[in-house]
Amino acid sequence: MKYLKVLVFCFTLILPSFAYANDDGCGLIKALYDSKDYVSAFNTAKTYAADGGACAEYYLGVMYYTGYGTRPNGRLAVKYLNNATRKGYKPAKEYLSKRGG
């Protein structure tokens, strides 16, 4: 019984890391952004955007636009939002249309 408790405890530590292993990072980025850990969200989004993740590009665009986690940069905001839009990521298109882009 003691070993079973240890085994269950180990799985609770290991399994959450697999939740993000095969995705584009969107869940992790969103969780960091929603918790207002903007610097970590920005750095994570940059990593996933380098691999072409549309969701990551969307969050980079939003953070460059708002200045959350980085200095505001309108040119980079539009670049990343347009990249995500071209990949069919609807929230990016909606974000740009609300901002007149």
N, C-alpha and C. Protein backbone atom coordinates (compact mmCIF):
# COMPACT_ATOMS: atom_id res chain seq x y z
N MET A 1 0.83 -1.20 0.00
CA MET A 1 0.00 0.00 0.00
C MET A 1 0.88 1.26 0.00
N LYS A 2 1.96 1.20 0.78
CA LYS A 2 2.86 2.35 0.84
C LYS A 2 3.45 2.66 -0.54
N TYR A 3 3.83 1.60 -1.28
CA TYR A 3 4.41 1.80 -2.60
C TYR A 3 3.39 2.34 -3.59
N LEU A 4 2.15 1.93 -3.43
CA LEU A 4 1.09 2.43 -4.30
C LEU A 4 0.92 3.94 -4.12
N LYS A 5 0.96 4.42 -2.90
CA LYS A 5 0.84 5.85 -2.63
C LYS A 5 2.00 6.62 -3.24
N VAL A 6 3.18 6.06 -3.14
CA VAL A 6 4.37 6.70 -3.72
C VAL A 6 4.24 6.74 -5.24
N LEU A 7 3.78 5.64 -5.82
CA LEU A 7 3.61 5.57 -7.26
C LEU A 7 2.57 6.59 -7.75
N VAL A 8 1.45 6.68 -7.05
CA VAL A 8 0.41 7.64 -7.41
C VAL A 8 0.94 9.06 -7.28
N PHE A 9 1.69 9.34 -6.23
CA PHE A 9 2.27 10.66 -6.04
C PHE A 9 3.21 11.01 -7.19
N CYS A 10 4.03 10.07 -7.61
CA CYS A 10 4.97 10.31 -8.72
C CYS A 10 4.23 10.61 -10.01
N PHE A 11 3.16 9.89 -10.28
CA PHE A 11 2.38 10.14 -11.49
C PHE A 11 1.73 11.52 -11.47
N THR A 12 1.32 11.99 -10.30
CA THR A 12 0.71 13.32 -10.25
C THR A 12 1.73 14.41 -10.56
N LEU A 13 3.00 14.12 -10.33
CA LEU A 13 4.04 15.08 -10.68
C LEU A 13 4.43 15.01 -12.15
N ILE A 14 4.39 13.83 -12.71
CA ILE A 14 4.87 13.62 -14.07
C ILE A 14 3.80 13.87 -15.12
N LEU A 15 2.58 13.43 -14.90
CA LEU A 15 1.55 13.50 -15.93
C LEU A 15 1.22 14.89 -16.43
N PRO A 16 1.18 15.93 -15.59
CA PRO A 16 0.87 17.25 -16.15
C PRO A 16 1.84 17.71 -17.23
N SER A 17 3.09 17.30 -17.15
CA SER A 17 4.04 17.72 -18.17
C SER A 17 3.73 17.10 -19.53
N PHE A 18 3.09 15.93 -19.54
CA PHE A 18 2.72 15.30 -20.81
C PHE A 18 1.51 15.98 -21.45
N ALA A 19 0.76 16.73 -20.69
CA ALA A 19 -0.43 17.38 -21.23
C ALA A 19 -0.06 18.37 -22.33
N TYR A 20 1.14 18.93 -22.25
CA TYR A 20 1.56 19.92 -23.24
C TYR A 20 2.59 19.36 -24.22
N ALA A 21 2.88 18.08 -24.13
CA ALA A 21 3.97 17.52 -24.93
C ALA A 21 3.66 17.51 -26.43
N ASN A 22 2.42 17.31 -26.82
CA ASN A 22 2.11 17.14 -28.23
C ASN A 22 1.23 18.24 -28.81
N ASP A 23 1.22 19.39 -28.20
CA ASP A 23 0.38 20.45 -28.75
C ASP A 23 1.25 21.62 -29.19
N ASP A 24 0.60 22.68 -29.59
CA ASP A 24 1.33 23.85 -30.07
C ASP A 24 1.65 24.83 -28.95
N GLY A 25 1.48 24.40 -27.71
CA GLY A 25 1.78 25.25 -26.57
C GLY A 25 0.64 26.16 -26.15
N CYS A 26 -0.46 26.11 -26.85
CA CYS A 26 -1.55 27.05 -26.62
C CYS A 26 -2.08 26.97 -25.19
N GLY A 27 -2.27 25.74 -24.70
CA GLY A 27 -2.80 25.58 -23.34
C GLY A 27 -1.88 26.19 -22.30
N LEU A 28 -0.60 25.94 -22.45
CA LEU A 28 0.37 26.48 -21.50
C LEU A 28 0.46 28.00 -21.59
N ILE A 29 0.52 28.51 -22.80
CA ILE A 29 0.60 29.97 -23.00
C ILE A 29 -0.63 30.66 -22.43
N LYS A 30 -1.80 30.11 -22.73
CA LYS A 30 -3.05 30.68 -22.22
C LYS A 30 -3.09 30.65 -20.70
N ALA A 31 -2.65 29.56 -20.10
CA ALA A 31 -2.64 29.46 -18.64
C ALA A 31 -1.72 30.51 -18.03
N LEU A 32 -0.55 30.69 -18.61
CA LEU A 32 0.39 31.71 -18.10
C LEU A 32 -0.18 33.11 -18.30
N TYR A 33 -0.75 33.35 -19.46
CA TYR A 33 -1.32 34.67 -19.76
C TYR A 33 -2.49 34.97 -18.82
N ASP A 34 -3.39 34.00 -18.66
CA ASP A 34 -4.55 34.20 -17.80
C ASP A 34 -4.17 34.40 -16.34
N SER A 35 -3.04 33.81 -15.93
CA SER A 35 -2.58 34.00 -14.54
C SER A 35 -1.77 35.28 -14.38
N LYS A 36 -1.69 36.04 -15.47
CA LYS A 36 -0.99 37.33 -15.50
C LYS A 36 0.53 37.20 -15.35
N ASP A 37 1.05 36.02 -15.67
CA ASP A 37 2.50 35.82 -15.71
C ASP A 37 2.93 36.11 -17.15
N TYR A 38 2.87 37.38 -17.50
CA TYR A 38 3.04 37.79 -18.89
C TYR A 38 4.45 37.54 -19.42
N VAL A 39 5.45 37.70 -18.58
CA VAL A 39 6.83 37.49 -19.05
C VAL A 39 7.02 36.02 -19.43
N SER A 40 6.55 35.11 -18.59
CA SER A 40 6.65 33.68 -18.91
C SER A 40 5.80 33.33 -20.12
N ALA A 41 4.61 33.92 -20.21
CA ALA A 41 3.75 33.67 -21.37
C ALA A 41 4.44 34.14 -22.64
N PHE A 42 5.05 35.31 -22.59
CA PHE A 42 5.74 35.85 -23.75
C PHE A 42 6.90 34.95 -24.17
N ASN A 43 7.73 34.55 -23.21
CA ASN A 43 8.88 33.71 -23.53
C ASN A 43 8.45 32.35 -24.07
N THR A 44 7.40 31.79 -23.49
CA THR A 44 6.89 30.50 -23.97
C THR A 44 6.31 30.65 -25.37
N ALA A 45 5.57 31.73 -25.61
CA ALA A 45 5.00 31.97 -26.93
C ALA A 45 6.09 32.13 -27.98
N LYS A 46 7.18 32.80 -27.64
CA LYS A 46 8.29 32.97 -28.59
C LYS A 46 8.86 31.62 -28.99
N THR A 47 8.98 30.73 -28.01
CA THR A 47 9.52 29.40 -28.29
C THR A 47 8.63 28.64 -29.25
N TYR A 48 7.33 28.63 -28.97
CA TYR A 48 6.40 27.89 -29.83
C TYR A 48 6.19 28.58 -31.18
N ALA A 49 6.26 29.89 -31.21
CA ALA A 49 6.10 30.62 -32.47
C ALA A 49 7.27 30.33 -33.41
N ALA A 50 8.44 30.09 -32.85
CA ALA A 50 9.60 29.75 -33.68
C ALA A 50 9.36 28.45 -34.45
N ASP A 51 8.50 27.59 -33.92
CA ASP A 51 8.13 26.35 -34.60
C ASP A 51 6.89 26.53 -35.48
N GLY A 52 6.39 27.76 -35.56
CA GLY A 52 5.27 28.04 -36.44
C GLY A 52 3.89 27.87 -35.83
N GLY A 53 3.80 27.82 -34.51
CA GLY A 53 2.51 27.66 -33.85
C GLY A 53 1.64 28.90 -34.00
N ALA A 54 0.46 28.74 -34.62
CA ALA A 54 -0.43 29.88 -34.87
C ALA A 54 -0.94 30.49 -33.57
N CYS A 55 -1.28 29.67 -32.62
CA CYS A 55 -1.77 30.18 -31.34
C CYS A 55 -0.67 30.99 -30.64
N ALA A 56 0.54 30.49 -30.69
CA ALA A 56 1.67 31.20 -30.08
C ALA A 56 1.89 32.54 -30.78
N GLU A 57 1.75 32.55 -32.10
CA GLU A 57 1.90 33.81 -32.84
C GLU A 57 0.79 34.79 -32.46
N TYR A 58 -0.40 34.27 -32.26
CA TYR A 58 -1.51 35.12 -31.82
C TYR A 58 -1.18 35.78 -30.48
N TYR A 59 -0.76 34.98 -29.51
CA TYR A 59 -0.45 35.54 -28.20
C TYR A 59 0.73 36.52 -28.27
N LEU A 60 1.73 36.22 -29.09
CA LEU A 60 2.83 37.17 -29.26
C LEU A 60 2.30 38.49 -29.81
N GLY A 61 1.44 38.40 -30.80
CA GLY A 61 0.86 39.61 -31.38
C GLY A 61 0.10 40.42 -30.34
N VAL A 62 -0.70 39.75 -29.55
CA VAL A 62 -1.47 40.44 -28.50
C VAL A 62 -0.53 41.08 -27.49
N MET A 63 0.50 40.36 -27.08
CA MET A 63 1.42 40.90 -26.07
C MET A 63 2.26 42.04 -26.63
N TYR A 64 2.65 41.95 -27.89
CA TYR A 64 3.36 43.08 -28.49
C TYR A 64 2.42 44.28 -28.62
N TYR A 65 1.17 44.03 -28.92
CA TYR A 65 0.21 45.12 -29.05
C TYR A 65 -0.05 45.81 -27.71
N THR A 66 -0.26 45.01 -26.66
CA THR A 66 -0.60 45.55 -25.34
C THR A 66 0.61 45.94 -24.49
N GLY A 67 1.76 45.37 -24.81
CA GLY A 67 2.93 45.61 -23.98
C GLY A 67 3.01 44.70 -22.78
N TYR A 68 2.19 43.66 -22.72
CA TYR A 68 2.24 42.71 -21.61
C TYR A 68 3.39 41.74 -21.83
N GLY A 69 4.32 41.70 -20.91
CA GLY A 69 5.45 40.78 -20.99
C GLY A 69 6.60 41.27 -21.85
N THR A 70 6.40 42.39 -22.52
CA THR A 70 7.43 42.94 -23.41
C THR A 70 7.12 44.41 -23.68
N ARG A 71 8.00 45.08 -24.37
CA ARG A 71 7.71 46.46 -24.78
C ARG A 71 6.72 46.44 -25.93
N PRO A 72 5.80 47.38 -25.96
CA PRO A 72 4.85 47.43 -27.08
C PRO A 72 5.59 47.65 -28.40
N ASN A 73 5.12 46.95 -29.43
CA ASN A 73 5.72 47.08 -30.75
C ASN A 73 4.64 46.77 -31.78
N GLY A 74 4.04 47.81 -32.33
CA GLY A 74 2.95 47.65 -33.26
C GLY A 74 3.31 46.87 -34.51
N ARG A 75 4.51 47.08 -35.01
CA ARG A 75 4.95 46.39 -36.23
C ARG A 75 5.01 44.88 -35.99
N LEU A 76 5.62 44.47 -34.87
CA LEU A 76 5.70 43.04 -34.57
C LEU A 76 4.34 42.47 -34.22
N ALA A 77 3.50 43.27 -33.57
CA ALA A 77 2.15 42.81 -33.23
C ALA A 77 1.40 42.43 -34.50
N VAL A 78 1.42 43.31 -35.48
CA VAL A 78 0.72 43.05 -36.74
C VAL A 78 1.35 41.88 -37.48
N LYS A 79 2.67 41.79 -37.45
CA LYS A 79 3.36 40.68 -38.13
C LYS A 79 2.88 39.34 -37.58
N TYR A 80 2.90 39.18 -36.26
CA TYR A 80 2.52 37.90 -35.67
C TYR A 80 1.03 37.62 -35.80
N LEU A 81 0.21 38.65 -35.66
CA LEU A 81 -1.23 38.45 -35.82
C LEU A 81 -1.57 38.07 -37.26
N ASN A 82 -0.90 38.69 -38.23
CA ASN A 82 -1.11 38.33 -39.64
C ASN A 82 -0.66 36.90 -39.93
N ASN A 83 0.48 36.50 -39.34
CA ASN A 83 0.95 35.12 -39.51
C ASN A 83 -0.09 34.13 -39.00
N ALA A 84 -0.62 34.40 -37.81
CA ALA A 84 -1.62 33.51 -37.24
C ALA A 84 -2.90 33.50 -38.07
N THR A 85 -3.27 34.66 -38.60
CA THR A 85 -4.46 34.75 -39.45
C THR A 85 -4.28 33.94 -40.72
N ARG A 86 -3.11 34.04 -41.34
CA ARG A 86 -2.84 33.28 -42.57
C ARG A 86 -2.90 31.77 -42.33
N LYS A 87 -2.62 31.36 -41.11
CA LYS A 87 -2.68 29.94 -40.76
C LYS A 87 -4.08 29.51 -40.35
N GLY A 88 -5.02 30.44 -40.43
CA GLY A 88 -6.41 30.11 -40.15
C GLY A 88 -6.81 30.22 -38.69
N TYR A 89 -6.02 30.91 -37.88
CA TYR A 89 -6.34 31.04 -36.46
C TYR A 89 -7.33 32.20 -36.29
N LYS A 90 -8.60 31.85 -36.10
CA LYS A 90 -9.69 32.84 -36.10
C LYS A 90 -9.56 33.93 -35.04
N PRO A 91 -9.12 33.63 -33.81
CA PRO A 91 -8.99 34.72 -32.82
C PRO A 91 -8.06 35.83 -33.28
N ALA A 92 -7.03 35.50 -34.07
CA ALA A 92 -6.11 36.52 -34.58
C ALA A 92 -6.82 37.44 -35.56
N LYS A 93 -7.62 36.85 -36.43
CA LYS A 93 -8.38 37.65 -37.41
C LYS A 93 -9.36 38.57 -36.69
N GLU A 94 -10.04 38.03 -35.67
CA GLU A 94 -11.00 38.83 -34.91
C GLU A 94 -10.29 39.96 -34.16
N TYR A 95 -9.14 39.66 -33.60
CA TYR A 95 -8.37 40.68 -32.85
C TYR A 95 -7.96 41.81 -33.78
N LEU A 96 -7.47 41.46 -34.97
CA LEU A 96 -7.06 42.48 -35.93
C LEU A 96 -8.25 43.30 -36.40
N SER A 97 -9.39 42.66 -36.66
CA SER A 97 -10.54 43.41 -37.15
C SER A 97 -11.09 44.36 -36.10
N LYS A 98 -10.98 44.00 -34.83
CA LYS A 98 -11.43 44.90 -33.75
C LYS A 98 -10.49 46.11 -33.62
N ARG A 99 -9.26 45.96 -34.04
CA ARG A 99 -8.27 47.02 -33.92
C ARG A 99 -8.11 47.79 -35.24
N GLY A 100 -8.91 47.42 -36.23
CA GLY A 100 -8.85 48.12 -37.51
C GLY A 100 -7.72 47.69 -38.40
N GLY A 101 -7.18 46.47 -38.15
CA GLY A 101 -6.03 46.01 -38.94
C GLY A 101 -6.34 45.14 -40.06
